[in-house]
């Protein structure tokens, strides 16, 4: 399962509405792809369709879609949002990552 913090929930809902998505019915698609300074990077976008190879979760009123391959890397992860003057934006707290880069957008196992 992937968890969503309260601050991330608020920001996700706001951004979804700005981009024409419905936070009650549409999904945050979370994935992992090759690249980044640590080898793997996170991919985050909005989606309104589910594929047959997707796992779907709901936490803190946010619906999350993850393809099965990415889920192996993301199980137990918490999506957080850090705003403000020194904020980074969305941050993944991934217990599976052995190493992360300084920007928090890539990791390795």
PDB file of N, CA and C in Angstrom:
ATOM      1  N   UNK A   1       0.835  -1.188   0.000  1.00  0.00           N
ATOM      2  CA  UNK A   1       0.000   0.000   0.000  1.00  0.00           C
ATOM      3  C   UNK A   1       0.876   1.246   0.000  1.00  0.00           C
ATOM      4  N   UNK A   2       0.377   2.292  -0.582  1.00  0.00           N
ATOM      5  CA  UNK A   2       1.036   3.592  -0.586  1.00  0.00           C
ATOM      6  C   UNK A   2       0.174   4.542   0.229  1.00  0.00           C
ATOM      7  N   UNK A   3       0.804   5.238   1.152  1.00  0.00           N
ATOM      8  CA  UNK A   3       0.080   6.164   2.019  1.00  0.00           C
ATOM      9  C   UNK A   3       0.233   7.597   1.509  1.00  0.00           C
ATOM     10  N   UNK A   4      -0.710   8.460   1.913  1.00  0.00           N
ATOM     11  CA  UNK A   4      -0.706   9.861   1.509  1.00  0.00           C
ATOM     12  C   UNK A   4      -0.867  10.714   2.761  1.00  0.00           C
ATOM     13  N   UNK A   5       0.078  11.627   2.986  1.00  0.00           N
ATOM     14  CA  UNK A   5      -0.014  12.503   4.155  1.00  0.00           C
ATOM     15  C   UNK A   5      -1.130  13.525   3.950  1.00  0.00           C
ATOM     16  N   UNK A   6      -1.513  14.174   5.022  1.00  0.00           N
ATOM     17  CA  UNK A   6      -2.579  15.186   4.961  1.00  0.00           C
ATOM     18  C   UNK A   6      -2.171  16.355   4.068  1.00  0.00           C
ATOM     19  N   UNK A   7      -0.921  16.817   4.166  1.00  0.00           N
ATOM     20  CA  UNK A   7      -0.481  17.940   3.320  1.00  0.00           C
ATOM     21  C   UNK A   7      -0.448  17.538   1.845  1.00  0.00           C
ATOM     22  N   UNK A   8      -0.039  16.302   1.559  1.00  0.00           N
ATOM     23  CA  UNK A   8      -0.034  15.829   0.172  1.00  0.00           C
ATOM     24  C   UNK A   8      -1.461  15.717  -0.355  1.00  0.00           C
ATOM     25  N   UNK A   9      -2.369  15.254   0.476  1.00  0.00           N
ATOM     26  CA  UNK A   9      -3.780  15.139   0.073  1.00  0.00           C
ATOM     27  C   UNK A   9      -4.323  16.492  -0.370  1.00  0.00           C
ATOM     28  N   UNK A  10      -4.075  17.518   0.422  1.00  0.00           N
ATOM     29  CA  UNK A  10      -4.583  18.852   0.095  1.00  0.00           C
ATOM     30  C   UNK A  10      -4.001  19.358  -1.219  1.00  0.00           C
ATOM     31  N   UNK A  11      -2.703  19.168  -1.410  1.00  0.00           N
ATOM     32  CA  UNK A  11      -2.054  19.652  -2.626  1.00  0.00           C
ATOM     33  C   UNK A  11      -2.502  18.847  -3.849  1.00  0.00           C
ATOM     34  N   UNK A  12      -2.622  17.530  -3.713  1.00  0.00           N
ATOM     35  CA  UNK A  12      -3.097  16.686  -4.810  1.00  0.00           C
ATOM     36  C   UNK A  12      -4.487  17.124  -5.240  1.00  0.00           C
ATOM     37  N   UNK A  13      -5.388  17.293  -4.287  1.00  0.00           N
ATOM     38  CA  UNK A  13      -6.764  17.702  -4.616  1.00  0.00           C
ATOM     39  C   UNK A  13      -6.782  19.032  -5.354  1.00  0.00           C
ATOM     40  N   UNK A  14      -6.005  19.976  -4.871  1.00  0.00           N
ATOM     41  CA  UNK A  14      -5.939  21.298  -5.492  1.00  0.00           C
ATOM     42  C   UNK A  14      -5.397  21.208  -6.923  1.00  0.00           C
ATOM     43  N   UNK A  15      -4.311  20.490  -7.118  1.00  0.00           N
ATOM     44  CA  UNK A  15      -3.713  20.371  -8.450  1.00  0.00           C
ATOM     45  C   UNK A  15      -4.607  19.598  -9.418  1.00  0.00           C
ATOM     46  N   UNK A  16      -5.274  18.568  -8.917  1.00  0.00           N
ATOM     47  CA  UNK A  16      -6.177  17.801  -9.779  1.00  0.00           C
ATOM     48  C   UNK A  16      -7.291  18.695 -10.315  1.00  0.00           C
ATOM     49  N   UNK A  17      -7.881  19.483  -9.441  1.00  0.00           N
ATOM     50  CA  UNK A  17      -8.956  20.374  -9.864  1.00  0.00           C
ATOM     51  C   UNK A  17      -8.452  21.409 -10.869  1.00  0.00           C
ATOM     52  N   UNK A  18      -7.242  21.945 -10.634  1.00  0.00           N
ATOM     53  CA  UNK A  18      -6.658  22.919 -11.561  1.00  0.00           C
ATOM     54  C   UNK A  18      -6.464  22.322 -12.946  1.00  0.00           C
ATOM     55  N   UNK A  19      -6.151  21.021 -13.014  1.00  0.00           N
ATOM     56  CA  UNK A  19      -5.864  20.366 -14.290  1.00  0.00           C
ATOM     57  C   UNK A  19      -7.078  19.644 -14.874  1.00  0.00           C
ATOM     58  N   UNK A  20      -8.260  19.860 -14.286  1.00  0.00           N
ATOM     59  CA  UNK A  20      -9.481  19.305 -14.839  1.00  0.00           C
ATOM     60  C   UNK A  20      -9.793  17.871 -14.425  1.00  0.00           C
ATOM     61  N   UNK A  21      -9.143  17.389 -13.387  1.00  0.00           N
ATOM     62  CA  UNK A  21      -9.425  16.050 -12.869  1.00  0.00           C
ATOM     63  C   UNK A  21     -10.319  16.163 -11.639  1.00  0.00           C
ATOM     64  N   UNK A  22     -11.050  15.111 -11.346  1.00  0.00           N
ATOM     65  CA  UNK A  22     -11.943  15.066 -10.195  1.00  0.00           C
ATOM     66  C   UNK A  22     -11.279  14.237  -9.096  1.00  0.00           C
ATOM     67  N   UNK A  23     -10.870  14.839  -7.993  1.00  0.00           N
ATOM     68  CA  UNK A  23     -10.190  14.102  -6.930  1.00  0.00           C
ATOM     69  C   UNK A  23     -11.023  12.966  -6.329  1.00  0.00           C
ATOM     70  N   UNK A  24     -12.334  13.019  -6.472  1.00  0.00           N
ATOM     71  CA  UNK A  24     -13.176  11.951  -5.925  1.00  0.00           C
ATOM     72  C   UNK A  24     -13.226  10.727  -6.832  1.00  0.00           C
ATOM     73  N   UNK A  25     -12.947  10.906  -8.138  1.00  0.00           N
ATOM     74  CA  UNK A  25     -13.081   9.808  -9.089  1.00  0.00           C
ATOM     75  C   UNK A  25     -11.802   9.450  -9.835  1.00  0.00           C
ATOM     76  N   UNK A  26     -10.888  10.405  -9.993  1.00  0.00           N
ATOM     77  CA  UNK A  26      -9.675  10.166 -10.770  1.00  0.00           C
ATOM     78  C   UNK A  26      -8.516   9.741  -9.862  1.00  0.00           C
ATOM     79  N   UNK A  27      -7.395   9.439 -10.466  1.00  0.00           N
ATOM     80  CA  UNK A  27      -6.289   8.795  -9.758  1.00  0.00           C
ATOM     81  C   UNK A  27      -5.001   9.603  -9.838  1.00  0.00           C
ATOM     82  N   UNK A  28      -4.177   9.415  -8.830  1.00  0.00           N
ATOM     83  CA  UNK A  28      -2.790   9.832  -8.892  1.00  0.00           C
ATOM     84  C   UNK A  28      -2.025   8.590  -9.331  1.00  0.00           C
ATOM     85  N   UNK A  29      -1.354   8.664 -10.468  1.00  0.00           N
ATOM     86  CA  UNK A  29      -0.579   7.534 -10.962  1.00  0.00           C
ATOM     87  C   UNK A  29       0.862   7.709 -10.485  1.00  0.00           C
ATOM     88  N   UNK A  30       1.337   6.734  -9.727  1.00  0.00           N
ATOM     89  CA  UNK A  30       2.687   6.749  -9.193  1.00  0.00           C
ATOM     90  C   UNK A  30       3.450   5.612  -9.848  1.00  0.00           C
ATOM     91  N   UNK A  31       4.656   5.906 -10.326  1.00  0.00           N
ATOM     92  CA  UNK A  31       5.453   4.877 -10.975  1.00  0.00           C
ATOM     93  C   UNK A  31       6.931   5.076 -10.716  1.00  0.00           C
ATOM     94  N   UNK A  32       7.695   4.121 -11.201  1.00  0.00           N
ATOM     95  CA  UNK A  32       9.149   4.155 -11.107  1.00  0.00           C
ATOM     96  C   UNK A  32       9.688   3.927 -12.507  1.00  0.00           C
ATOM     97  N   UNK A  33      10.695   4.713 -12.886  1.00  0.00           N
ATOM     98  CA  UNK A  33      11.327   4.530 -14.190  1.00  0.00           C
ATOM     99  C   UNK A  33      12.838   4.624 -14.032  1.00  0.00           C
ATOM    100  N   UNK A  34      13.561   4.086 -14.990  1.00  0.00           N
ATOM    101  CA  UNK A  34      15.019   4.161 -14.968  1.00  0.00           C
ATOM    102  C   UNK A  34      15.446   5.600 -15.180  1.00  0.00           C
ATOM    103  N   UNK A  35      16.483   5.991 -14.451  1.00  0.00           N
ATOM    104  CA  UNK A  35      17.020   7.339 -14.617  1.00  0.00           C
ATOM    105  C   UNK A  35      17.229   8.014 -13.284  1.00  0.00           C
ATOM    106  N   UNK A  36      17.681   9.238 -13.347  1.00  0.00           N
ATOM    107  CA  UNK A  36      17.978   9.986 -12.134  1.00  0.00           C
ATOM    108  C   UNK A  36      19.393   9.686 -11.664  1.00  0.00           C
ATOM    109  N   UNK A  37      19.882  10.475 -10.755  1.00  0.00           N
ATOM    110  CA  UNK A  37      21.269  10.330 -10.320  1.00  0.00           C
ATOM    111  C   UNK A  37      21.492   9.102  -9.450  1.00  0.00           C
ATOM    112  N   UNK A  38      20.437   8.477  -8.942  1.00  0.00           N
ATOM    113  CA  UNK A  38      20.596   7.279  -8.120  1.00  0.00           C
ATOM    114  C   UNK A  38      20.176   5.996  -8.842  1.00  0.00           C
ATOM    115  N   UNK A  39      19.739   6.097 -10.082  1.00  0.00           N
ATOM    116  CA  UNK A  39      19.405   4.902 -10.855  1.00  0.00           C
ATOM    117  C   UNK A  39      17.936   4.726 -11.188  1.00  0.00           C
ATOM    118  N   UNK A  40      17.052   5.045 -10.255  1.00  0.00           N
ATOM    119  CA  UNK A  40      15.612   4.959 -10.475  1.00  0.00           C
ATOM    120  C   UNK A  40      14.992   6.287 -10.075  1.00  0.00           C
ATOM    121  N   UNK A  41      13.951   6.695 -10.781  1.00  0.00           N
ATOM    122  CA  UNK A  41      13.284   7.943 -10.408  1.00  0.00           C
ATOM    123  C   UNK A  41      11.784   7.727 -10.315  1.00  0.00           C
ATOM    124  N   UNK A  42      11.152   8.579  -9.545  1.00  0.00           N
ATOM    125  CA  UNK A  42       9.708   8.517  -9.341  1.00  0.00           C
ATOM    126  C   UNK A  42       8.998   9.233 -10.482  1.00  0.00           C
ATOM    127  N   UNK A  43       7.826   8.740 -10.829  1.00  0.00           N
ATOM    128  CA  UNK A  43       6.995   9.354 -11.850  1.00  0.00           C
ATOM    129  C   UNK A  43       5.618   9.570 -11.236  1.00  0.00           C
ATOM    130  N   UNK A  44       5.121  10.780 -11.299  1.00  0.00           N
ATOM    131  CA  UNK A  44       3.870  11.145 -10.651  1.00  0.00           C
ATOM    132  C   UNK A  44       3.029  11.951 -11.632  1.00  0.00           C
ATOM    133  N   UNK A  45       1.794  11.498 -11.893  1.00  0.00           N
ATOM    134  CA  UNK A  45       0.891  12.231 -12.780  1.00  0.00           C
ATOM    135  C   UNK A  45      -0.544  11.874 -12.435  1.00  0.00           C
ATOM    136  N   UNK A  46      -1.488  12.584 -13.041  1.00  0.00           N
ATOM    137  CA  UNK A  46      -2.904  12.307 -12.831  1.00  0.00           C
ATOM    138  C   UNK A  46      -3.424  11.462 -13.982  1.00  0.00           C
ATOM    139  N   UNK A  47      -4.424  10.642 -13.688  1.00  0.00           N
ATOM    140  CA  UNK A  47      -4.981   9.740 -14.694  1.00  0.00           C
ATOM    141  C   UNK A  47      -6.443   9.486 -14.370  1.00  0.00           C
ATOM    142  N   UNK A  48      -7.223   9.167 -15.400  1.00  0.00           N
ATOM    143  CA  UNK A  48      -8.633   8.843 -15.178  1.00  0.00           C
ATOM    144  C   UNK A  48      -8.980   7.443 -15.686  1.00  0.00           C
ATOM    145  N   UNK A  49      -7.949   6.660 -16.028  1.00  0.00           N
ATOM    146  CA  UNK A  49      -8.181   5.280 -16.456  1.00  0.00           C
ATOM    147  C   UNK A  49      -7.265   4.334 -15.689  1.00  0.00           C
ATOM    148  N   UNK A  50      -7.721   3.097 -15.581  1.00  0.00           N
ATOM    149  CA  UNK A  50      -6.960   2.055 -14.889  1.00  0.00           C
ATOM    150  C   UNK A  50      -6.666   0.942 -15.887  1.00  0.00           C
ATOM    151  N   UNK A  51      -5.420   0.485 -15.896  1.00  0.00           N
ATOM    152  CA  UNK A  51      -5.032  -0.617 -16.767  1.00  0.00           C
ATOM    153  C   UNK A  51      -5.190  -1.947 -16.056  1.00  0.00           C
ATOM    154  N   UNK A  52      -5.173  -3.017 -16.821  1.00  0.00           N
ATOM    155  CA  UNK A  52      -5.372  -4.342 -16.230  1.00  0.00           C
ATOM    156  C   UNK A  52      -4.199  -4.766 -15.346  1.00  0.00           C
ATOM    157  N   UNK A  53      -3.035  -4.135 -15.503  1.00  0.00           N
ATOM    158  CA  UNK A  53      -1.872  -4.462 -14.674  1.00  0.00           C
ATOM    159  C   UNK A  53      -1.655  -3.479 -13.530  1.00  0.00           C
ATOM    160  N   UNK A  54      -2.662  -2.664 -13.247  1.00  0.00           N
ATOM    161  CA  UNK A  54      -2.549  -1.676 -12.174  1.00  0.00           C
ATOM    162  C   UNK A  54      -3.062  -2.212 -10.850  1.00  0.00           C
ATOM    163  N   UNK A  55      -2.408  -1.773  -9.786  1.00  0.00           N
ATOM    164  CA  UNK A  55      -2.931  -1.972  -8.439  1.00  0.00           C
ATOM    165  C   UNK A  55      -3.530  -0.628  -8.033  1.00  0.00           C
ATOM    166  N   UNK A  56      -4.676  -0.660  -7.374  1.00  0.00           N
ATOM    167  CA  UNK A  56      -5.356   0.577  -6.978  1.00  0.00           C
ATOM    168  C   UNK A  56      -5.503   0.599  -5.467  1.00  0.00           C
ATOM    169  N   UNK A  57      -5.156   1.737  -4.883  1.00  0.00           N
ATOM    170  CA  UNK A  57      -5.253   1.941  -3.434  1.00  0.00           C
ATOM    171  C   UNK A  57      -5.980   3.240  -3.181  1.00  0.00           C
ATOM    172  N   UNK A  58      -6.487   3.367  -1.978  1.00  0.00           N
ATOM    173  CA  UNK A  58      -7.032   4.650  -1.555  1.00  0.00           C
ATOM    174  C   UNK A  58      -6.566   4.899  -0.135  1.00  0.00           C
ATOM    175  N   UNK A  59      -5.954   6.052   0.072  1.00  0.00           N
ATOM    176  CA  UNK A  59      -5.521   6.446   1.405  1.00  0.00           C
ATOM    177  C   UNK A  59      -5.796   7.931   1.573  1.00  0.00           C
ATOM    178  N   UNK A  60      -6.356   8.294   2.688  1.00  0.00           N
ATOM    179  CA  UNK A  60      -6.623   9.695   3.002  1.00  0.00           C
ATOM    180  C   UNK A  60      -7.436  10.362   1.882  1.00  0.00           C
ATOM    181  N   UNK A  61      -8.403   9.609   1.343  1.00  0.00           N
ATOM    182  CA  UNK A  61      -9.313  10.077   0.300  1.00  0.00           C
ATOM    183  C   UNK A  61      -8.624  10.365  -1.038  1.00  0.00           C
ATOM    184  N   UNK A  62      -7.425   9.828  -1.250  1.00  0.00           N
ATOM    185  CA  UNK A  62      -6.716   9.962  -2.521  1.00  0.00           C
ATOM    186  C   UNK A  62      -6.629   8.577  -3.150  1.00  0.00           C
ATOM    187  N   UNK A  63      -7.076   8.474  -4.401  1.00  0.00           N
ATOM    188  CA  UNK A  63      -7.001   7.210  -5.135  1.00  0.00           C
ATOM    189  C   UNK A  63      -5.666   7.155  -5.867  1.00  0.00           C
ATOM    190  N   UNK A  64      -4.976   6.042  -5.705  1.00  0.00           N
ATOM    191  CA  UNK A  64      -3.638   5.880  -6.262  1.00  0.00           C
ATOM    192  C   UNK A  64      -3.623   4.664  -7.176  1.00  0.00           C
ATOM    193  N   UNK A  65      -3.066   4.831  -8.367  1.00  0.00           N
ATOM    194  CA  UNK A  65      -2.876   3.729  -9.304  1.00  0.00           C
ATOM    195  C   UNK A  65      -1.380   3.514  -9.497  1.00  0.00           C
ATOM    196  N   UNK A  66      -0.972   2.240  -9.421  1.00  0.00           N
ATOM    197  CA  UNK A  66       0.437   1.883  -9.576  1.00  0.00           C
ATOM    198  C   UNK A  66       0.510   0.632 -10.440  1.00  0.00           C
ATOM    199  N   UNK A  67       1.380   0.640 -11.458  1.00  0.00           N
ATOM    200  CA  UNK A  67       1.548  -0.586 -12.228  1.00  0.00           C
ATOM    201  C   UNK A  67       2.283  -1.611 -11.352  1.00  0.00           C
ATOM    202  N   UNK A  68       2.053  -2.891 -11.628  1.00  0.00           N
ATOM    203  CA  UNK A  68       2.566  -3.954 -10.761  1.00  0.00           C
ATOM    204  C   UNK A  68       4.082  -3.929 -10.633  1.00  0.00           C
ATOM    205  N   UNK A  69       4.795  -3.606 -11.710  1.00  0.00           N
ATOM    206  CA  UNK A  69       6.261  -3.558 -11.648  1.00  0.00           C
ATOM    207  C   UNK A  69       6.730  -2.463 -10.689  1.00  0.00           C
ATOM    208  N   UNK A  70       6.148  -1.279 -10.808  1.00  0.00           N
ATOM    209  CA  UNK A  70       6.533  -0.170  -9.927  1.00  0.00           C
ATOM    210  C   UNK A  70       6.168  -0.449  -8.480  1.00  0.00           C
ATOM    211  N   UNK A  71       5.068  -1.165  -8.269  1.00  0.00           N
ATOM    212  CA  UNK A  71       4.636  -1.436  -6.900  1.00  0.00           C
ATOM    213  C   UNK A  71       5.697  -2.187  -6.106  1.00  0.00           C
ATOM    214  N   UNK A  72       6.477  -3.035  -6.762  1.00  0.00           N
ATOM    215  CA  UNK A  72       7.540  -3.773  -6.077  1.00  0.00           C
ATOM    216  C   UNK A  72       8.541  -2.823  -5.416  1.00  0.00           C
ATOM    217  N   UNK A  73       8.754  -1.666  -6.028  1.00  0.00           N
ATOM    218  CA  UNK A  73       9.685  -0.670  -5.500  1.00  0.00           C
ATOM    219  C   UNK A  73       9.032   0.295  -4.513  1.00  0.00           C
ATOM    220  N   UNK A  74       7.703   0.390  -4.561  1.00  0.00           N
ATOM    221  CA  UNK A  74       6.994   1.442  -3.816  1.00  0.00           C
ATOM    222  C   UNK A  74       6.206   0.960  -2.602  1.00  0.00           C
ATOM    223  N   UNK A  75       6.125  -0.332  -2.380  1.00  0.00           N
ATOM    224  CA  UNK A  75       5.327  -0.849  -1.255  1.00  0.00           C
ATOM    225  C   UNK A  75       5.788  -0.203   0.051  1.00  0.00           C
ATOM    226  N   UNK A  76       4.836   0.339   0.788  1.00  0.00           N
ATOM    227  CA  UNK A  76       5.131   0.969   2.075  1.00  0.00           C
ATOM    228  C   UNK A  76       5.529   2.426   1.995  1.00  0.00           C
ATOM    229  N   UNK A  77       5.540   3.000   0.801  1.00  0.00           N
ATOM    230  CA  UNK A  77       5.957   4.389   0.611  1.00  0.00           C
ATOM    231  C   UNK A  77       4.859   5.353   1.059  1.00  0.00           C
ATOM    232  N   UNK A  78       5.269   6.494   1.571  1.00  0.00           N
ATOM    233  CA  UNK A  78       4.341   7.569   1.918  1.00  0.00           C
ATOM    234  C   UNK A  78       4.623   8.760   1.025  1.00  0.00           C
ATOM    235  N   UNK A  79       3.573   9.270   0.369  1.00  0.00           N
ATOM    236  CA  UNK A  79       3.684  10.471  -0.438  1.00  0.00           C
ATOM    237  C   UNK A  79       3.418  11.661   0.475  1.00  0.00           C
ATOM    238  N   UNK A  80       4.378  12.582   0.519  1.00  0.00           N
ATOM    239  CA  UNK A  80       4.241  13.772   1.351  1.00  0.00           C
ATOM    240  C   UNK A  80       4.436  15.004   0.481  1.00  0.00           C
ATOM    241  N   UNK A  81       4.038  16.140   1.018  1.00  0.00           N
ATOM    242  CA  UNK A  81       4.244  17.399   0.315  1.00  0.00           C
ATOM    243  C   UNK A  81       4.897  18.379   1.260  1.00  0.00           C
ATOM    244  N   UNK A  82       5.989  18.981   0.803  1.00  0.00           N
ATOM    245  CA  UNK A  82       6.711  19.958   1.598  1.00  0.00           C
ATOM    246  C   UNK A  82       6.686  21.275   0.843  1.00  0.00           C
ATOM    247  N   UNK A  83       5.899  22.218   1.321  1.00  0.00           N
ATOM    248  CA  UNK A  83       5.805  23.514   0.662  1.00  0.00           C
ATOM    249  C   UNK A  83       6.607  24.557   1.415  1.00  0.00           C
ATOM    250  N   UNK A  84       6.377  25.793   1.105  1.00  0.00           N
ATOM    251  CA  UNK A  84       7.037  26.882   1.812  1.00  0.00           C
ATOM    252  C   UNK A  84       8.311  27.325   1.124  1.00  0.00           C
ATOM    253  N   UNK A  85       9.063  28.143   1.812  1.00  0.00           N
ATOM    254  CA  UNK A  85      10.253  28.784   1.257  1.00  0.00           C
ATOM    255  C   UNK A  85      11.318  27.784   0.818  1.00  0.00           C
ATOM    256  N   UNK A  86      11.575  26.778   1.628  1.00  0.00           N
ATOM    257  CA  UNK A  86      12.584  25.775   1.296  1.00  0.00           C
ATOM    258  C   UNK A  86      11.966  24.440   0.907  1.00  0.00           C
ATOM    259  N   UNK A  87      10.680  24.429   0.611  1.00  0.00           N
ATOM    260  CA  UNK A  87       9.983  23.187   0.297  1.00  0.00           C
ATOM    261  C   UNK A  87      10.440  22.582  -1.019  1.00  0.00           C
ATOM    262  N   UNK A  88      10.330  21.275  -1.099  1.00  0.00           N
ATOM    263  CA  UNK A  88      10.744  20.543  -2.286  1.00  0.00           C
ATOM    264  C   UNK A  88       9.569  20.163  -3.179  1.00  0.00           C
ATOM    265  N   UNK A  89       8.344  20.318  -2.719  1.00  0.00           N
ATOM    266  CA  UNK A  89       7.194  19.817  -3.454  1.00  0.00           C
ATOM    267  C   UNK A  89       6.834  18.436  -2.943  1.00  0.00           C
ATOM    268  N   UNK A  90       6.471  17.533  -3.855  1.00  0.00           N
ATOM    269  CA  UNK A  90       6.119  16.177  -3.441  1.00  0.00           C
ATOM    270  C   UNK A  90       7.385  15.396  -3.111  1.00  0.00           C
ATOM    271  N   UNK A  91       7.316  14.664  -2.010  1.00  0.00           N
ATOM    272  CA  UNK A  91       8.452  13.887  -1.520  1.00  0.00           C
ATOM    273  C   UNK A  91       7.973  12.465  -1.264  1.00  0.00           C
ATOM    274  N   UNK A  92       8.762  11.486  -1.678  1.00  0.00           N
ATOM    275  CA  UNK A  92       8.459  10.081  -1.442  1.00  0.00           C
ATOM    276  C   UNK A  92       9.309   9.580  -0.288  1.00  0.00           C
ATOM    277  N   UNK A  93       8.673   9.147   0.782  1.00  0.00           N
ATOM    278  CA  UNK A  93       9.380   8.491   1.887  1.00  0.00           C
ATOM    279  C   UNK A  93       9.268   6.995   1.652  1.00  0.00           C
ATOM    280  N   UNK A  94      10.320   6.431   1.048  1.00  0.00           N
ATOM    281  CA  UNK A  94      10.309   5.056   0.586  1.00  0.00           C
ATOM    282  C   UNK A  94      11.213   4.199   1.472  1.00  0.00           C
ATOM    283  N   UNK A  95      10.633   3.289   2.265  1.00  0.00           N
ATOM    284  CA  UNK A  95      11.446   2.450   3.145  1.00  0.00           C
ATOM    285  C   UNK A  95      12.282   1.429   2.381  1.00  0.00           C
ATOM    286  N   UNK A  96      12.007   1.221   1.099  1.00  0.00           N
ATOM    287  CA  UNK A  96      12.748   0.259   0.289  1.00  0.00           C
ATOM    288  C   UNK A  96      14.033   0.843  -0.290  1.00  0.00           C
ATOM    289  N   UNK A  97      14.157   2.159  -0.280  1.00  0.00           N
ATOM    290  CA  UNK A  97      15.313   2.810  -0.889  1.00  0.00           C
ATOM    291  C   UNK A  97      16.523   2.713   0.031  1.00  0.00           C
ATOM    292  N   UNK A  98      17.629   2.201  -0.515  1.00  0.00           N
ATOM    293  CA  UNK A  98      18.886   2.149   0.235  1.00  0.00           C
ATOM    294  C   UNK A  98      19.638   3.464   0.140  1.00  0.00           C
ATOM    295  N   UNK A  99      19.432   4.160  -0.967  1.00  0.00           N
ATOM    296  CA  UNK A  99      20.128   5.417  -1.195  1.00  0.00           C
ATOM    297  C   UNK A  99      19.209   6.342  -1.968  1.00  0.00           C
ATOM    298  N   UNK A 100      19.180   7.611  -1.607  1.00  0.00           N
ATOM    299  CA  UNK A 100      18.409   8.603  -2.350  1.00  0.00           C
ATOM    300  C   UNK A 100      19.323   9.757  -2.705  1.00  0.00           C
ATOM    301  N   UNK A 101      18.949  10.504  -3.722  1.00  0.00           N
ATOM    302  CA  UNK A 101      19.748  11.670  -4.105  1.00  0.00           C
ATOM    303  C   UNK A 101      19.323  12.880  -3.260  1.00  0.00           C
ATOM    304  N   UNK A 102      20.071  13.944  -3.361  1.00  0.00           N
ATOM    305  CA  UNK A 102      19.778  15.142  -2.588  1.00  0.00           C
ATOM    306  C   UNK A 102      18.454  15.787  -2.912  1.00  0.00           C
ATOM    307  N   UNK A 103      18.003  15.656  -4.156  1.00  0.00           N
ATOM    308  CA  UNK A 103      16.736  16.283  -4.545  1.00  0.00           C
ATOM    309  C   UNK A 103      15.539  15.426  -4.156  1.00  0.00           C
ATOM    310  N   UNK A 104      15.761  14.151  -3.808  1.00  0.00           N
ATOM    311  CA  UNK A 104      14.678  13.283  -3.389  1.00  0.00           C
ATOM    312  C   UNK A 104      13.841  12.723  -4.526  1.00  0.00           C
ATOM    313  N   UNK A 105      14.281  12.936  -5.776  1.00  0.00           N
ATOM    314  CA  UNK A 105      13.509  12.472  -6.911  1.00  0.00           C
ATOM    315  C   UNK A 105      14.013  11.153  -7.479  1.00  0.00           C
ATOM    316  N   UNK A 106      15.147  10.651  -6.984  1.00  0.00           N
ATOM    317  CA  UNK A 106      15.617   9.358  -7.451  1.00  0.00           C
ATOM    318  C   UNK A 106      16.157   8.552  -6.280  1.00  0.00           C
ATOM    319  N   UNK A 107      16.285   7.245  -6.512  1.00  0.00           N
ATOM    320  CA  UNK A 107      16.695   6.338  -5.444  1.00  0.00           C
ATOM    321  C   UNK A 107      17.306   5.088  -6.031  1.00  0.00           C
ATOM    322  N   UNK A 108      17.900   4.267  -5.182  1.00  0.00           N
ATOM    323  CA  UNK A 108      18.379   2.946  -5.597  1.00  0.00           C
ATOM    324  C   UNK A 108      18.036   1.969  -4.485  1.00  0.00           C
ATOM    325  N   UNK A 109      18.018   0.694  -4.854  1.00  0.00           N
ATOM    326  CA  UNK A 109      17.701  -0.366  -3.894  1.00  0.00           C
ATOM    327  C   UNK A 109      18.946  -1.098  -3.477  1.00  0.00           C
TER     328      UNK A 109
END
